[in-house]
Amino acid sequence: MQLIKPAVAGTMESGDIMVTIEPRDSGGVTLELSSNVMQQFGRQIEEMIRKTLAELGVEHAAVHAVDKGALDCTVRARVSAAAFRSAESTDYTWKGAK
């Protein structure tokens, strides 16, 4: 997935995460994460963000995430939404819903 412009998804509400993503020409994915549960779940949140971006084919991006206790499914949804918005893509493939 080729990112085109900066994009945001999520809110600052409890149980959510706000993800801002910006395209980069090189240097891989840089991630700045802040969370009120950083001690307990920071590594897991970072892994979920990086895994989601990798699955979407995002190789170079600057990501800033502010977590307010989001579950993994919410992290995944917000990262995906921000990436699709950044790529100006509507080519969604929803998994798990039947």
PDB file of N, CA and C in Angstrom:
ATOM      1  N   MET A   1       0.853  -1.173   0.000  1.00  0.00           N
ATOM      2  CA  MET A   1       0.000   0.000   0.000  1.00  0.00           C
ATOM      3  C   MET A   1       0.899   1.236   0.000  1.00  0.00           C
ATOM      4  N   GLN A   2       0.632   2.131  -0.920  1.00  0.00           N
ATOM      5  CA  GLN A   2       1.403   3.366  -1.042  1.00  0.00           C
ATOM      6  C   GLN A   2       0.669   4.507  -0.333  1.00  0.00           C
ATOM      7  N   LEU A   3       1.273   5.033   0.725  1.00  0.00           N
ATOM      8  CA  LEU A   3       0.670   6.156   1.442  1.00  0.00           C
ATOM      9  C   LEU A   3       0.900   7.440   0.657  1.00  0.00           C
ATOM     10  N   ILE A   4      -0.099   8.312   0.649  1.00  0.00           N
ATOM     11  CA  ILE A   4      -0.056   9.527  -0.152  1.00  0.00           C
ATOM     12  C   ILE A   4      -0.037  10.787   0.705  1.00  0.00           C
ATOM     13  N   LYS A   5      -0.825  10.790   1.770  1.00  0.00           N
ATOM     14  CA  LYS A   5      -0.985  12.000   2.581  1.00  0.00           C
ATOM     15  C   LYS A   5      -1.127  11.625   4.050  1.00  0.00           C
ATOM     16  N   PRO A   6      -0.945  12.586   4.950  1.00  0.00           N
ATOM     17  CA  PRO A   6      -1.175  12.311   6.374  1.00  0.00           C
ATOM     18  C   PRO A   6      -2.660  11.986   6.617  1.00  0.00           C
ATOM     19  N   ALA A   7      -2.905  11.110   7.591  1.00  0.00           N
ATOM     20  CA  ALA A   7      -4.283  10.736   7.914  1.00  0.00           C
ATOM     21  C   ALA A   7      -4.389  10.369   9.389  1.00  0.00           C
ATOM     22  N   VAL A   8      -5.612  10.473   9.917  1.00  0.00           N
ATOM     23  CA  VAL A   8      -5.883  10.192  11.327  1.00  0.00           C
ATOM     24  C   VAL A   8      -7.107   9.297  11.435  1.00  0.00           C
ATOM     25  N   ALA A   9      -7.094   8.413  12.428  1.00  0.00           N
ATOM     26  CA  ALA A   9      -8.265   7.606  12.755  1.00  0.00           C
ATOM     27  C   ALA A   9      -8.304   7.419  14.265  1.00  0.00           C
ATOM     28  N   GLY A  10      -9.500   7.397  14.825  1.00  0.00           N
ATOM     29  CA  GLY A  10      -9.671   7.176  16.253  1.00  0.00           C
ATOM     30  C   GLY A  10      -9.991   8.444  17.011  1.00  0.00           C
ATOM     31  N   THR A  11     -10.140   8.279  18.322  1.00  0.00           N
ATOM     32  CA  THR A  11     -10.478   9.394  19.208  1.00  0.00           C
ATOM     33  C   THR A  11      -9.610   9.321  20.461  1.00  0.00           C
ATOM     34  N   MET A  12      -9.768  10.308  21.304  1.00  0.00           N
ATOM     35  CA  MET A  12      -9.062  10.340  22.581  1.00  0.00           C
ATOM     36  C   MET A  12      -9.963   9.847  23.721  1.00  0.00           C
ATOM     37  N   GLU A  13     -11.047   9.180  23.360  1.00  0.00           N
ATOM     38  CA  GLU A  13     -11.972   8.646  24.360  1.00  0.00           C
ATOM     39  C   GLU A  13     -11.390   7.405  25.032  1.00  0.00           C
ATOM     40  N   SER A  14     -11.855   7.124  26.225  1.00  0.00           N
ATOM     41  CA  SER A  14     -11.427   5.929  26.935  1.00  0.00           C
ATOM     42  C   SER A  14     -11.767   4.687  26.116  1.00  0.00           C
ATOM     43  N   GLY A  15     -10.836   3.752  26.043  1.00  0.00           N
ATOM     44  CA  GLY A  15     -11.046   2.514  25.305  1.00  0.00           C
ATOM     45  C   GLY A  15     -10.756   2.636  23.818  1.00  0.00           C
ATOM     46  N   ASP A  16     -10.185   3.758  23.398  1.00  0.00           N
ATOM     47  CA  ASP A  16      -9.896   3.979  21.980  1.00  0.00           C
ATOM     48  C   ASP A  16      -8.416   4.310  21.807  1.00  0.00           C
ATOM     49  N   ILE A  17      -8.001   4.495  20.583  1.00  0.00           N
ATOM     50  CA  ILE A  17      -6.631   4.893  20.254  1.00  0.00           C
ATOM     51  C   ILE A  17      -6.699   5.845  19.068  1.00  0.00           C
ATOM     52  N   MET A  18      -5.947   6.925  19.119  1.00  0.00           N
ATOM     53  CA  MET A  18      -5.869   7.851  17.993  1.00  0.00           C
ATOM     54  C   MET A  18      -4.566   7.584  17.265  1.00  0.00           C
ATOM     55  N   VAL A  19      -4.678   7.256  15.989  1.00  0.00           N
ATOM     56  CA  VAL A  19      -3.521   6.914  15.165  1.00  0.00           C
ATOM     57  C   VAL A  19      -3.361   7.950  14.064  1.00  0.00           C
ATOM     58  N   THR A  20      -2.185   8.558  14.009  1.00  0.00           N
ATOM     59  CA  THR A  20      -1.832   9.482  12.933  1.00  0.00           C
ATOM     60  C   THR A  20      -0.725   8.829  12.125  1.00  0.00           C
ATOM     61  N   ILE A  21      -0.891   8.809  10.812  1.00  0.00           N
ATOM     62  CA  ILE A  21       0.094   8.175   9.939  1.00  0.00           C
ATOM     63  C   ILE A  21       0.480   9.154   8.834  1.00  0.00           C
ATOM     64  N   GLU A  22       1.769   9.205   8.552  1.00  0.00           N
ATOM     65  CA  GLU A  22       2.286  10.066   7.493  1.00  0.00           C
ATOM     66  C   GLU A  22       3.202   9.251   6.598  1.00  0.00           C
ATOM     67  N   PRO A  23       3.142   9.510   5.285  1.00  0.00           N
ATOM     68  CA  PRO A  23       4.033   8.780   4.375  1.00  0.00           C
ATOM     69  C   PRO A  23       5.489   9.195   4.540  1.00  0.00           C
ATOM     70  N   ARG A  24       6.388   8.246   4.296  1.00  0.00           N
ATOM     71  CA  ARG A  24       7.836   8.504   4.265  1.00  0.00           C
ATOM     72  C   ARG A  24       8.372   7.848   3.004  1.00  0.00           C
ATOM     73  N   ASP A  25       9.429   8.416   2.458  1.00  0.00           N
ATOM     74  CA  ASP A  25      10.031   7.857   1.248  1.00  0.00           C
ATOM     75  C   ASP A  25      10.909   6.653   1.545  1.00  0.00           C
ATOM     76  N   SER A  26      11.495   6.635   2.735  1.00  0.00           N
ATOM     77  CA  SER A  26      12.389   5.540   3.109  1.00  0.00           C
ATOM     78  C   SER A  26      12.495   5.493   4.627  1.00  0.00           C
ATOM     79  N   GLY A  27      13.272   4.549   5.129  1.00  0.00           N
ATOM     80  CA  GLY A  27      13.512   4.475   6.561  1.00  0.00           C
ATOM     81  C   GLY A  27      12.588   3.561   7.336  1.00  0.00           C
ATOM     82  N   GLY A  28      11.738   2.820   6.657  1.00  0.00           N
ATOM     83  CA  GLY A  28      10.850   1.897   7.353  1.00  0.00           C
ATOM     84  C   GLY A  28       9.732   2.599   8.106  1.00  0.00           C
ATOM     85  N   VAL A  29       9.239   1.934   9.119  1.00  0.00           N
ATOM     86  CA  VAL A  29       8.146   2.479   9.936  1.00  0.00           C
ATOM     87  C   VAL A  29       8.727   2.991  11.249  1.00  0.00           C
ATOM     88  N   THR A  30       8.505   4.270  11.521  1.00  0.00           N
ATOM     89  CA  THR A  30       8.858   4.812  12.829  1.00  0.00           C
ATOM     90  C   THR A  30       7.568   4.917  13.626  1.00  0.00           C
ATOM     91  N   LEU A  31       7.645   4.611  14.899  1.00  0.00           N
ATOM     92  CA  LEU A  31       6.449   4.583  15.737  1.00  0.00           C
ATOM     93  C   LEU A  31       6.699   5.317  17.039  1.00  0.00           C
ATOM     94  N   GLU A  32       5.834   6.268  17.317  1.00  0.00           N
ATOM     95  CA  GLU A  32       5.831   6.970  18.599  1.00  0.00           C
ATOM     96  C   GLU A  32       4.516   6.618  19.277  1.00  0.00           C
ATOM     97  N   LEU A  33       4.607   5.952  20.412  1.00  0.00           N
ATOM     98  CA  LEU A  33       3.422   5.464  21.118  1.00  0.00           C
ATOM     99  C   LEU A  33       3.381   6.017  22.524  1.00  0.00           C
ATOM    100  N   SER A  34       2.239   6.540  22.905  1.00  0.00           N
ATOM    101  CA  SER A  34       2.019   6.889  24.307  1.00  0.00           C
ATOM    102  C   SER A  34       0.724   6.206  24.741  1.00  0.00           C
ATOM    103  N   SER A  35       0.726   5.715  25.973  1.00  0.00           N
ATOM    104  CA  SER A  35      -0.413   4.953  26.462  1.00  0.00           C
ATOM    105  C   SER A  35      -0.479   5.035  27.979  1.00  0.00           C
ATOM    106  N   ASN A  36      -1.701   5.073  28.505  1.00  0.00           N
ATOM    107  CA  ASN A  36      -1.859   5.058  29.950  1.00  0.00           C
ATOM    108  C   ASN A  36      -1.670   3.650  30.519  1.00  0.00           C
ATOM    109  N   VAL A  37      -1.472   2.661  29.646  1.00  0.00           N
ATOM    110  CA  VAL A  37      -1.184   1.284  30.073  1.00  0.00           C
ATOM    111  C   VAL A  37       0.132   0.808  29.446  1.00  0.00           C
ATOM    112  N   MET A  38       1.051   1.731  29.250  1.00  0.00           N
ATOM    113  CA  MET A  38       2.325   1.434  28.575  1.00  0.00           C
ATOM    114  C   MET A  38       3.107   0.328  29.287  1.00  0.00           C
ATOM    115  N   GLN A  39       3.181   0.383  30.588  1.00  0.00           N
ATOM    116  CA  GLN A  39       3.941  -0.620  31.351  1.00  0.00           C
ATOM    117  C   GLN A  39       3.438  -2.032  31.091  1.00  0.00           C
ATOM    118  N   GLN A  40       2.116  -2.196  31.089  1.00  0.00           N
ATOM    119  CA  GLN A  40       1.539  -3.526  30.948  1.00  0.00           C
ATOM    120  C   GLN A  40       1.420  -3.989  29.497  1.00  0.00           C
ATOM    121  N   PHE A  41       1.038  -3.073  28.595  1.00  0.00           N
ATOM    122  CA  PHE A  41       0.668  -3.496  27.243  1.00  0.00           C
ATOM    123  C   PHE A  41       1.375  -2.767  26.113  1.00  0.00           C
ATOM    124  N   GLY A  42       2.344  -1.907  26.422  1.00  0.00           N
ATOM    125  CA  GLY A  42       3.018  -1.125  25.388  1.00  0.00           C
ATOM    126  C   GLY A  42       3.612  -1.958  24.271  1.00  0.00           C
ATOM    127  N   ARG A  43       4.299  -3.020  24.630  1.00  0.00           N
ATOM    128  CA  ARG A  43       4.932  -3.890  23.624  1.00  0.00           C
ATOM    129  C   ARG A  43       3.879  -4.558  22.740  1.00  0.00           C
ATOM    130  N   GLN A  44       2.790  -5.004  23.342  1.00  0.00           N
ATOM    131  CA  GLN A  44       1.718  -5.660  22.589  1.00  0.00           C
ATOM    132  C   GLN A  44       1.047  -4.672  21.622  1.00  0.00           C
ATOM    133  N   ILE A  45       0.825  -3.444  22.067  1.00  0.00           N
ATOM    134  CA  ILE A  45       0.214  -2.432  21.205  1.00  0.00           C
ATOM    135  C   ILE A  45       1.131  -2.137  20.026  1.00  0.00           C
ATOM    136  N   GLU A  46       2.418  -1.958  20.303  1.00  0.00           N
ATOM    137  CA  GLU A  46       3.377  -1.685  19.230  1.00  0.00           C
ATOM    138  C   GLU A  46       3.422  -2.836  18.234  1.00  0.00           C
ATOM    139  N   GLU A  47       3.435  -4.064  18.716  1.00  0.00           N
ATOM    140  CA  GLU A  47       3.454  -5.223  17.823  1.00  0.00           C
ATOM    141  C   GLU A  47       2.205  -5.262  16.950  1.00  0.00           C
ATOM    142  N   MET A  48       1.040  -4.934  17.519  1.00  0.00           N
ATOM    143  CA  MET A  48      -0.205  -4.946  16.753  1.00  0.00           C
ATOM    144  C   MET A  48      -0.181  -3.878  15.659  1.00  0.00           C
ATOM    145  N   ILE A  49       0.344  -2.695  15.984  1.00  0.00           N
ATOM    146  CA  ILE A  49       0.439  -1.622  14.986  1.00  0.00           C
ATOM    147  C   ILE A  49       1.363  -2.049  13.851  1.00  0.00           C
ATOM    148  N   ARG A  50       2.540  -2.547  14.191  1.00  0.00           N
ATOM    149  CA  ARG A  50       3.513  -2.947  13.163  1.00  0.00           C
ATOM    150  C   ARG A  50       3.010  -4.128  12.322  1.00  0.00           C
ATOM    151  N   LYS A  51       2.364  -5.086  12.964  1.00  0.00           N
ATOM    152  CA  LYS A  51       1.825  -6.246  12.254  1.00  0.00           C
ATOM    153  C   LYS A  51       0.734  -5.817  11.269  1.00  0.00           C
ATOM    154  N   THR A  52      -0.139  -4.940  11.700  1.00  0.00           N
ATOM    155  CA  THR A  52      -1.221  -4.470  10.828  1.00  0.00           C
ATOM    156  C   THR A  52      -0.660  -3.734   9.619  1.00  0.00           C
ATOM    157  N   LEU A  53       0.311  -2.855   9.841  1.00  0.00           N
ATOM    158  CA  LEU A  53       0.921  -2.132   8.730  1.00  0.00           C
ATOM    159  C   LEU A  53       1.619  -3.089   7.765  1.00  0.00           C
ATOM    160  N   ALA A  54       2.312  -4.077   8.303  1.00  0.00           N
ATOM    161  CA  ALA A  54       2.998  -5.058   7.454  1.00  0.00           C
ATOM    162  C   ALA A  54       1.989  -5.835   6.603  1.00  0.00           C
ATOM    163  N   GLU A  55       0.877  -6.242   7.195  1.00  0.00           N
ATOM    164  CA  GLU A  55      -0.152  -6.974   6.461  1.00  0.00           C
ATOM    165  C   GLU A  55      -0.770  -6.127   5.348  1.00  0.00           C
ATOM    166  N   LEU A  56      -0.799  -4.808   5.554  1.00  0.00           N
ATOM    167  CA  LEU A  56      -1.338  -3.901   4.544  1.00  0.00           C
ATOM    168  C   LEU A  56      -0.291  -3.531   3.489  1.00  0.00           C
ATOM    169  N   GLY A  57       0.945  -3.954   3.708  1.00  0.00           N
ATOM    170  CA  GLY A  57       2.002  -3.668   2.758  1.00  0.00           C
ATOM    171  C   GLY A  57       2.605  -2.281   2.902  1.00  0.00           C
ATOM    172  N   VAL A  58       2.447  -1.673   4.069  1.00  0.00           N
ATOM    173  CA  VAL A  58       3.030  -0.357   4.325  1.00  0.00           C
ATOM    174  C   VAL A  58       4.474  -0.568   4.773  1.00  0.00           C
ATOM    175  N   GLU A  59       5.410  -0.081   3.968  1.00  0.00           N
ATOM    176  CA  GLU A  59       6.826  -0.287   4.266  1.00  0.00           C
ATOM    177  C   GLU A  59       7.478   0.927   4.911  1.00  0.00           C
ATOM    178  N   HIS A  60       7.010   2.128   4.575  1.00  0.00           N
ATOM    179  CA  HIS A  60       7.615   3.360   5.077  1.00  0.00           C
ATOM    180  C   HIS A  60       6.519   4.294   5.561  1.00  0.00           C
ATOM    181  N   ALA A  61       6.556   4.631   6.860  1.00  0.00           N
ATOM    182  CA  ALA A  61       5.550   5.518   7.426  1.00  0.00           C
ATOM    183  C   ALA A  61       6.033   6.045   8.767  1.00  0.00           C
ATOM    184  N   ALA A  62       5.530   7.217   9.117  1.00  0.00           N
ATOM    185  CA  ALA A  62       5.730   7.756  10.460  1.00  0.00           C
ATOM    186  C   ALA A  62       4.382   7.646  11.163  1.00  0.00           C
ATOM    187  N   VAL A  63       4.363   6.936  12.280  1.00  0.00           N
ATOM    188  CA  VAL A  63       3.118   6.689  13.008  1.00  0.00           C
ATOM    189  C   VAL A  63       3.219   7.279  14.410  1.00  0.00           C
ATOM    190  N   HIS A  64       2.184   7.992  14.792  1.00  0.00           N
ATOM    191  CA  HIS A  64       2.063   8.521  16.149  1.00  0.00           C
ATOM    192  C   HIS A  64       0.741   7.985  16.692  1.00  0.00           C
ATOM    193  N   ALA A  65       0.795   7.285  17.826  1.00  0.00           N
ATOM    194  CA  ALA A  65      -0.408   6.695  18.405  1.00  0.00           C
ATOM    195  C   ALA A  65      -0.545   7.100  19.870  1.00  0.00           C
ATOM    196  N   VAL A  66      -1.754   7.510  20.221  1.00  0.00           N
ATOM    197  CA  VAL A  66      -2.076   7.848  21.608  1.00  0.00           C
ATOM    198  C   VAL A  66      -3.173   6.889  22.043  1.00  0.00           C
ATOM    199  N   ASP A  67      -2.810   5.951  22.903  1.00  0.00           N
ATOM    200  CA  ASP A  67      -3.718   4.892  23.342  1.00  0.00           C
ATOM    201  C   ASP A  67      -4.389   5.267  24.650  1.00  0.00           C
ATOM    202  N   LYS A  68      -5.668   4.958  24.731  1.00  0.00           N
ATOM    203  CA  LYS A  68      -6.447   5.170  25.951  1.00  0.00           C
ATOM    204  C   LYS A  68      -7.087   3.861  26.409  1.00  0.00           C
ATOM    205  N   GLY A  69      -6.316   2.768  26.276  1.00  0.00           N
ATOM    206  CA  GLY A  69      -6.798   1.474  26.744  1.00  0.00           C
ATOM    207  C   GLY A  69      -7.559   0.684  25.701  1.00  0.00           C
ATOM    208  N   ALA A  70      -7.216   0.855  24.426  1.00  0.00           N
ATOM    209  CA  ALA A  70      -7.907   0.163  23.339  1.00  0.00           C
ATOM    210  C   ALA A  70      -7.581  -1.327  23.317  1.00  0.00           C
ATOM    211  N   LEU A  71      -8.553  -2.118  22.952  1.00  0.00           N
ATOM    212  CA  LEU A  71      -8.350  -3.552  22.741  1.00  0.00           C
ATOM    213  C   LEU A  71      -7.625  -3.757  21.415  1.00  0.00           C
ATOM    214  N   ASP A  72      -7.053  -4.949  21.223  1.00  0.00           N
ATOM    215  CA  ASP A  72      -6.319  -5.255  19.996  1.00  0.00           C
ATOM    216  C   ASP A  72      -7.163  -5.014  18.745  1.00  0.00           C
ATOM    217  N   CYS A  73      -8.425  -5.415  18.782  1.00  0.00           N
ATOM    218  CA  CYS A  73      -9.285  -5.252  17.606  1.00  0.00           C
ATOM    219  C   CYS A  73      -9.479  -3.771  17.265  1.00  0.00           C
ATOM    220  N   THR A  74      -9.520  -2.924  18.275  1.00  0.00           N
ATOM    221  CA  THR A  74      -9.666  -1.487  18.050  1.00  0.00           C
ATOM    222  C   THR A  74      -8.372  -0.908  17.490  1.00  0.00           C
ATOM    223  N   VAL A  75      -7.236  -1.340  18.019  1.00  0.00           N
ATOM    224  CA  VAL A  75      -5.941  -0.882  17.508  1.00  0.00           C
ATOM    225  C   VAL A  75      -5.839  -1.234  16.030  1.00  0.00           C
ATOM    226  N   ARG A  76      -6.162  -2.467  15.707  1.00  0.00           N
ATOM    227  CA  ARG A  76      -6.095  -2.942  14.327  1.00  0.00           C
ATOM    228  C   ARG A  76      -7.016  -2.125  13.416  1.00  0.00           C
ATOM    229  N   ALA A  77      -8.234  -1.873  13.871  1.00  0.00           N
ATOM    230  CA  ALA A  77      -9.200  -1.116  13.070  1.00  0.00           C
ATOM    231  C   ALA A  77      -8.735   0.313  12.833  1.00  0.00           C
ATOM    232  N   ARG A  78      -8.202   0.961  13.868  1.00  0.00           N
ATOM    233  CA  ARG A  78      -7.758   2.354  13.729  1.00  0.00           C
ATOM    234  C   ARG A  78      -6.539   2.472  12.828  1.00  0.00           C
ATOM    235  N   VAL A  79      -5.593   1.557  12.966  1.00  0.00           N
ATOM    236  CA  VAL A  79      -4.407   1.579  12.115  1.00  0.00           C
ATOM    237  C   VAL A  79      -4.823   1.345  10.659  1.00  0.00           C
ATOM    238  N   SER A  80      -5.697   0.389  10.437  1.00  0.00           N
ATOM    239  CA  SER A  80      -6.171   0.106   9.080  1.00  0.00           C
ATOM    240  C   SER A  80      -6.890   1.312   8.488  1.00  0.00           C
ATOM    241  N   ALA A  81      -7.770   1.917   9.252  1.00  0.00           N
ATOM    242  CA  ALA A  81      -8.517   3.084   8.765  1.00  0.00           C
ATOM    243  C   ALA A  81      -7.578   4.232   8.410  1.00  0.00           C
ATOM    244  N   ALA A  82      -6.606   4.506   9.271  1.00  0.00           N
ATOM    245  CA  ALA A  82      -5.649   5.583   8.994  1.00  0.00           C
ATOM    246  C   ALA A  82      -4.846   5.280   7.734  1.00  0.00           C
ATOM    247  N   ALA A  83      -4.418   4.038   7.563  1.00  0.00           N
ATOM    248  CA  ALA A  83      -3.631   3.664   6.386  1.00  0.00           C
ATOM    249  C   ALA A  83      -4.456   3.793   5.107  1.00  0.00           C
ATOM    250  N   PHE A  84      -5.680   3.304   5.116  1.00  0.00           N
ATOM    251  CA  PHE A  84      -6.531   3.419   3.933  1.00  0.00           C
ATOM    252  C   PHE A  84      -6.826   4.877   3.604  1.00  0.00           C
ATOM    253  N   ARG A  85      -7.058   5.689   4.616  1.00  0.00           N
ATOM    254  CA  ARG A  85      -7.268   7.117   4.379  1.00  0.00           C
ATOM    255  C   ARG A  85      -6.016   7.758   3.793  1.00  0.00           C
ATOM    256  N   SER A  86      -4.857   7.410   4.323  1.00  0.00           N
ATOM    257  CA  SER A  86      -3.600   7.964   3.845  1.00  0.00           C
ATOM    258  C   SER A  86      -3.336   7.569   2.393  1.00  0.00           C
ATOM    259  N   ALA A  87      -3.704   6.363   2.030  1.00  0.00           N
ATOM    260  CA  ALA A  87      -3.515   5.870   0.667  1.00  0.00           C
ATOM    261  C   ALA A  87      -4.648   6.300  -0.267  1.00  0.00           C
ATOM    262  N   GLU A  88      -5.646   6.964   0.273  1.00  0.00           N
ATOM    263  CA  GLU A  88      -6.843   7.351  -0.480  1.00  0.00           C
ATOM    264  C   GLU A  88      -7.446   6.142  -1.188  1.00  0.00           C
ATOM    265  N   SER A  89      -7.528   5.042  -0.455  1.00  0.00           N
ATOM    266  CA  SER A  89      -8.018   3.782  -0.995  1.00  0.00           C
ATOM    267  C   SER A  89      -9.336   3.382  -0.337  1.00  0.00           C
ATOM    268  N   THR A  90     -10.215   2.790  -1.141  1.00  0.00           N
ATOM    269  CA  THR A  90     -11.457   2.221  -0.610  1.00  0.00           C
ATOM    270  C   THR A  90     -11.520   0.728  -0.932  1.00  0.00           C
ATOM    271  N   ASP A  91     -10.379   0.132  -1.190  1.00  0.00           N
ATOM    272  CA  ASP A  91     -10.286  -1.280  -1.533  1.00  0.00           C
ATOM    273  C   ASP A  91     -10.186  -2.130  -0.264  1.00  0.00           C
ATOM    274  N   TYR A  92     -11.251  -2.086   0.552  1.00  0.00           N
ATOM    275  CA  TYR A  92     -11.254  -2.800   1.832  1.00  0.00           C
ATOM    276  C   TYR A  92     -11.533  -4.282   1.626  1.00  0.00           C
ATOM    277  N   THR A  93     -10.846  -5.108   2.413  1.00  0.00           N
ATOM    278  CA  THR A  93     -11.131  -6.531   2.468  1.00  0.00           C
ATOM    279  C   THR A  93     -11.452  -6.853   3.918  1.00  0.00           C
ATOM    280  N   TRP A  94     -12.713  -6.989   4.225  1.00  0.00           N
ATOM    281  CA  TRP A  94     -13.122  -7.254   5.602  1.00  0.00           C
ATOM    282  C   TRP A  94     -13.041  -8.735   5.875  1.00  0.00           C
ATOM    283  N   LYS A  95     -12.420  -9.093   6.985  1.00  0.00           N
ATOM    284  CA  LYS A  95     -12.271 -10.501   7.355  1.00  0.00           C
ATOM    285  C   LYS A  95     -13.106 -10.780   8.599  1.00  0.00           C
ATOM    286  N   GLY A  96     -13.607 -12.010   8.698  1.00  0.00           N
ATOM    287  CA  GLY A  96     -14.276 -12.446   9.915  1.00  0.00           C
ATOM    288  C   GLY A  96     -15.765 -12.188   9.946  1.00  0.00           C
ATOM    289  N   ALA A  97     -16.276 -11.264   9.159  1.00  0.00           N
ATOM    290  CA  ALA A  97     -17.717 -10.964   9.166  1.00  0.00           C
ATOM    291  C   ALA A  97     -18.420 -11.844   8.164  1.00  0.00           C
ATOM    292  N   LYS A  98     -19.472 -12.498   8.619  1.00  0.00           N
ATOM    293  CA  LYS A  98     -20.254 -13.342   7.701  1.00  0.00           C
ATOM    294  C   LYS A  98     -21.701 -13.053   7.845  1.00  0.00           C
TER     295      LYS A  98
END
